[in-house]
Amino acid sequence: LQEFRGRVDVLYAEEARERASLLGAVGELKTLNQDMASQAAALTNALKGNAKVRGDWGELMLDNVLRGSGLDQRSIVVDSKVNLVAWQEAMNAVTPELGSDALLRHATALRAHVRDLGVRNYPKAMGYEETLDVTIAFVPIEGALSAALSTDPSLQTYAFDNKVVFASPNTLMALLRVAERLWTRDKVQKQALQISDAGGLVLDALMAFLADFNNV
């Protein structure tokens, strides 16, 4: 009986610990769900808000990506203006017809924005010498960009023709890394040319000295 009572006590103690652990896990899950819900609500409010609110949200998303880019003393024009109202309407459409219509308006709005960026030509205004000669159009939601490109297959080519490149949070970092490496390679090549030019001058001076020495 004593052994049985001891085993029962142990089981009760373990059950109590497991119950407490389970309650803690449930609490964490509840907090996580609340956080996700609040973030989703914040996104919805941002998309429904005025142009400044949407722009501020897009800049916040962009800032998170740029903090880890590691670029140095060069300029890249990244446009963070975001207008995803039509895309949100497509996601919330109650019928396929309404969804298709909203996606078409979404792609059309993005095309108009590309045209506007091409006309403004921000890299030229900043100076091509130290600035990438294309404008990056940052779309902070992967699905929104994919939906526009799927709805309007020629949109990507149209953007290239206007020297505009689309980027999402996942692709922007890779794009910045590629630009950084290209700039580094360009810098090394320019330094190599300078060394080559200096070596040529030294060689010319040496040949002239030897000619003068032979004359003497």
Protein backbone atom coordinates (compact mmCIF):
# COMPACT_ATOMS: atom_id res chain seq x y z
CA LEU A 1 0.00 0.00 0.00
CA GLN A 2 2.85 2.38 0.80
CA GLU A 3 4.48 1.70 -2.56
CA PHE A 4 1.17 2.11 -4.35
CA ARG A 5 0.50 5.39 -2.52
CA GLY A 6 3.99 6.62 -3.49
CA ARG A 7 3.42 5.83 -7.13
CA VAL A 8 0.04 7.59 -7.07
CA ASP A 9 1.63 10.67 -5.50
CA VAL A 10 4.31 10.73 -8.20
CA LEU A 11 1.72 10.40 -10.95
CA TYR A 12 -0.33 13.22 -9.45
CA ALA A 13 2.76 15.42 -9.23
CA GLU A 14 3.71 14.71 -12.84
CA GLU A 15 0.16 15.35 -13.97
CA ALA A 16 0.16 18.69 -12.16
CA ARG A 17 3.43 19.70 -13.84
CA GLU A 18 2.14 18.65 -17.25
CA ARG A 19 -1.10 20.52 -16.66
CA ALA A 20 0.83 23.67 -15.74
CA SER A 21 3.05 23.26 -18.79
CA LEU A 22 0.02 22.76 -21.02
CA LEU A 23 -1.66 25.84 -19.59
CA GLY A 24 1.50 27.82 -20.26
CA ALA A 25 1.65 26.58 -23.86
CA VAL A 26 -2.02 27.41 -24.37
CA GLY A 27 -1.39 30.87 -22.98
CA GLU A 28 1.53 31.42 -25.36
CA LEU A 29 -0.57 30.19 -28.27
CA LYS A 30 -3.36 32.57 -27.28
CA THR A 31 -0.90 35.46 -27.13
CA LEU A 32 0.53 34.50 -30.53
CA ASN A 33 -2.93 34.35 -32.07
CA GLN A 34 -3.75 37.75 -30.59
CA ASP A 35 -0.54 39.18 -32.01
CA MET A 36 -1.27 37.71 -35.44
CA ALA A 37 -4.79 39.06 -35.31
CA SER A 38 -3.57 42.53 -34.34
CA GLN A 39 -0.97 42.47 -37.12
CA ALA A 40 -3.59 41.40 -39.64
CA ALA A 41 -5.88 44.16 -38.38
CA ALA A 42 -3.02 46.67 -38.65
CA LEU A 43 -2.37 45.56 -42.22
CA THR A 44 -6.05 45.84 -43.10
CA ASN A 45 -6.25 49.30 -41.56
CA ALA A 46 -3.11 50.35 -43.39
CA LEU A 47 -4.48 49.19 -46.72
CA LYS A 48 -7.79 50.89 -46.07
CA GLY A 49 -6.25 54.08 -44.74
CA ASN A 50 -5.35 57.20 -46.66
CA ALA A 51 -2.38 57.45 -49.01
CA LYS A 52 -0.06 58.73 -46.27
CA VAL A 53 -0.89 55.82 -43.95
CA ARG A 54 -0.25 53.31 -46.76
CA GLY A 55 2.97 55.09 -47.67
CA ASP A 56 4.20 55.08 -44.07
CA TRP A 57 3.47 51.37 -43.77
CA GLY A 58 5.34 50.65 -47.00
CA GLU A 59 8.32 52.67 -45.80
CA LEU A 60 8.33 50.75 -42.51
CA MET A 61 8.43 47.44 -44.37
CA LEU A 62 11.20 48.78 -46.60
CA ASP A 63 13.22 50.05 -43.65
CA ASN A 64 13.26 46.56 -42.12
CA VAL A 65 14.82 45.16 -45.30
CA LEU A 66 17.32 47.97 -45.85
CA ARG A 67 18.75 47.69 -42.34
CA GLY A 68 20.44 44.45 -43.30
CA SER A 69 21.50 45.31 -46.86
CA GLY A 70 25.05 46.49 -46.06
CA LEU A 71 25.40 48.91 -48.97
CA ASP A 72 28.23 51.45 -48.94
CA GLN A 73 28.26 55.01 -50.20
CA ARG A 74 26.20 54.30 -53.31
CA SER A 75 22.62 55.25 -54.10
CA ILE A 76 19.69 53.11 -55.14
CA VAL A 77 16.28 54.63 -55.74
CA VAL A 78 13.64 52.50 -54.03
CA ASP A 79 10.04 53.62 -54.29
CA SER A 80 7.95 52.44 -51.35
CA LYS A 81 4.65 53.98 -52.37
CA VAL A 82 2.06 51.25 -52.03
CA ASN A 83 -1.54 51.20 -53.20
CA LEU A 84 -2.97 47.76 -52.56
CA VAL A 85 -6.61 48.64 -52.02
CA ALA A 86 -7.71 46.84 -55.18
CA TRP A 87 -5.66 43.79 -54.24
CA GLN A 88 -7.32 43.69 -50.81
CA GLU A 89 -10.72 43.95 -52.48
CA ALA A 90 -9.75 40.98 -54.67
CA MET A 91 -8.79 38.94 -51.61
CA ASN A 92 -12.14 39.74 -49.97
CA ALA A 93 -14.28 39.37 -53.09
CA VAL A 94 -17.42 37.29 -52.60
CA THR A 95 -17.59 36.13 -56.23
CA PRO A 96 -14.90 35.13 -58.78
CA GLU A 97 -16.11 37.87 -61.12
CA LEU A 98 -15.59 40.57 -58.51
CA GLY A 99 -12.19 39.11 -57.67
CA SER A 100 -11.08 39.15 -61.30
CA ASP A 101 -12.27 42.72 -61.73
CA ALA A 102 -10.39 43.84 -58.62
CA LEU A 103 -7.18 42.07 -59.75
CA LEU A 104 -7.42 43.78 -63.12
CA ARG A 105 -7.73 47.15 -61.40
CA HIS A 106 -4.79 46.21 -59.16
CA ALA A 107 -2.55 45.38 -62.14
CA THR A 108 -3.67 48.51 -63.99
CA ALA A 109 -2.84 50.70 -60.98
CA LEU A 110 0.62 49.13 -60.69
CA ARG A 111 1.25 49.70 -64.41
CA ALA A 112 0.25 53.36 -64.04
CA HIS A 113 2.64 53.67 -61.11
CA VAL A 114 5.46 52.19 -63.20
CA ARG A 115 4.75 54.71 -65.95
CA ASP A 116 4.89 57.53 -63.41
CA LEU A 117 8.24 56.31 -62.04
CA GLY A 118 9.65 56.07 -65.56
CA VAL A 119 8.64 59.65 -66.34
CA ARG A 120 10.07 61.00 -63.09
CA ASN A 121 13.41 59.19 -63.65
CA TYR A 122 14.73 59.68 -60.13
CA PRO A 123 18.17 58.10 -60.85
CA LYS A 124 18.89 60.79 -63.46
CA ALA A 125 17.94 63.52 -60.99
CA MET A 126 20.33 62.04 -58.41
CA GLY A 127 23.16 61.55 -60.89
CA TYR A 128 24.01 58.28 -62.64
CA GLU A 129 27.64 58.31 -61.51
CA GLU A 130 26.84 57.09 -57.99
CA THR A 131 23.27 55.85 -58.50
CA LEU A 132 21.91 52.62 -59.95
CA ASP A 133 20.27 53.61 -63.24
CA VAL A 134 16.97 51.86 -62.47
CA THR A 135 14.22 52.53 -59.95
CA ILE A 136 13.19 49.68 -57.68
CA ALA A 137 9.43 49.52 -57.14
CA PHE A 138 9.01 47.90 -53.73
CA VAL A 139 5.78 45.94 -53.21
CA PRO A 140 5.67 44.93 -49.52
CA ILE A 141 3.36 41.92 -49.99
CA GLU A 142 4.54 38.95 -52.04
CA GLY A 143 1.03 37.89 -53.03
CA ALA A 144 0.13 41.36 -54.28
CA LEU A 145 3.09 41.45 -56.66
CA SER A 146 2.52 37.89 -57.89
CA ALA A 147 -1.15 38.61 -58.48
CA ALA A 148 -0.39 41.70 -60.58
CA LEU A 149 2.23 39.89 -62.69
CA SER A 150 -0.11 36.94 -63.22
CA THR A 151 -3.00 39.19 -64.21
CA ASP A 152 -0.87 41.30 -66.57
CA PRO A 153 1.92 39.07 -68.01
CA SER A 154 3.46 42.00 -69.93
CA LEU A 155 3.78 44.15 -66.81
CA GLN A 156 7.31 42.95 -66.03
CA THR A 157 8.55 43.77 -69.54
CA TYR A 158 6.78 47.13 -69.43
CA ALA A 159 8.57 47.91 -66.18
CA PHE A 160 11.97 47.00 -67.66
CA ASP A 161 11.30 49.26 -70.63
CA ASN A 162 10.70 52.11 -68.19
CA LYS A 163 13.85 51.22 -66.18
CA VAL A 164 11.79 50.03 -63.24
CA VAL A 165 12.42 46.75 -61.40
CA PHE A 166 9.87 45.16 -59.09
CA ALA A 167 11.01 43.86 -55.71
CA SER A 168 9.23 42.17 -52.82
CA PRO A 169 10.57 41.76 -49.26
CA ASN A 170 12.10 38.42 -50.25
CA THR A 171 13.73 39.59 -53.48
CA LEU A 172 14.79 43.10 -52.47
CA MET A 173 17.59 41.89 -50.21
CA ALA A 174 18.96 39.65 -52.97
CA LEU A 175 18.74 42.51 -55.45
CA LEU A 176 20.64 44.82 -53.12
CA ARG A 177 23.30 42.18 -52.55
CA VAL A 178 23.78 41.73 -56.29
CA ALA A 179 24.08 45.49 -56.77
CA GLU A 180 26.64 45.67 -53.98
CA ARG A 181 28.76 42.93 -55.54
CA LEU A 182 28.57 44.52 -58.99
CA TRP A 183 29.65 47.86 -57.56
CA THR A 184 32.52 46.20 -55.70
CA ARG A 185 33.66 44.47 -58.89
CA ASP A 186 33.40 47.75 -60.79
CA LYS A 187 35.50 49.46 -58.12
CA VAL A 188 38.17 46.74 -58.32
CA GLN A 189 38.27 46.99 -62.12
CA LYS A 190 38.69 50.76 -61.98
CA GLN A 191 41.52 50.38 -59.47
CA ALA A 192 43.15 47.77 -61.72
CA LEU A 193 42.99 50.19 -64.66
CA GLN A 194 44.55 52.92 -62.53
CA ILE A 195 47.36 50.57 -61.52
CA SER A 196 47.85 49.60 -65.16
CA ASP A 197 48.01 53.25 -66.24
CA ALA A 198 50.50 54.05 -63.47
CA GLY A 199 52.61 51.03 -64.49
CA GLY A 200 52.60 52.23 -68.09
CA LEU A 201 53.85 55.66 -67.04
CA VAL A 202 56.62 54.09 -64.97
CA LEU A 203 57.64 51.90 -67.92
CA ASP A 204 57.66 54.88 -70.31
CA ALA A 205 59.82 56.85 -67.87
CA LEU A 206 62.22 53.91 -67.51
CA MET A 207 62.56 53.49 -71.28
CA ALA A 208 63.25 57.22 -71.68
CA PHE A 209 65.90 57.03 -68.94
CA LEU A 210 67.62 54.05 -70.61
CA ALA A 211 67.62 55.90 -73.96
CA ASP A 212 69.18 58.96 -72.35
CA PHE A 213 71.72 56.74 -70.51
CA ASN A 214 72.73 55.06 -73.78
CA ASN A 215 73.20 58.46 -75.39
CA VAL A 216 75.40 59.56 -72.51
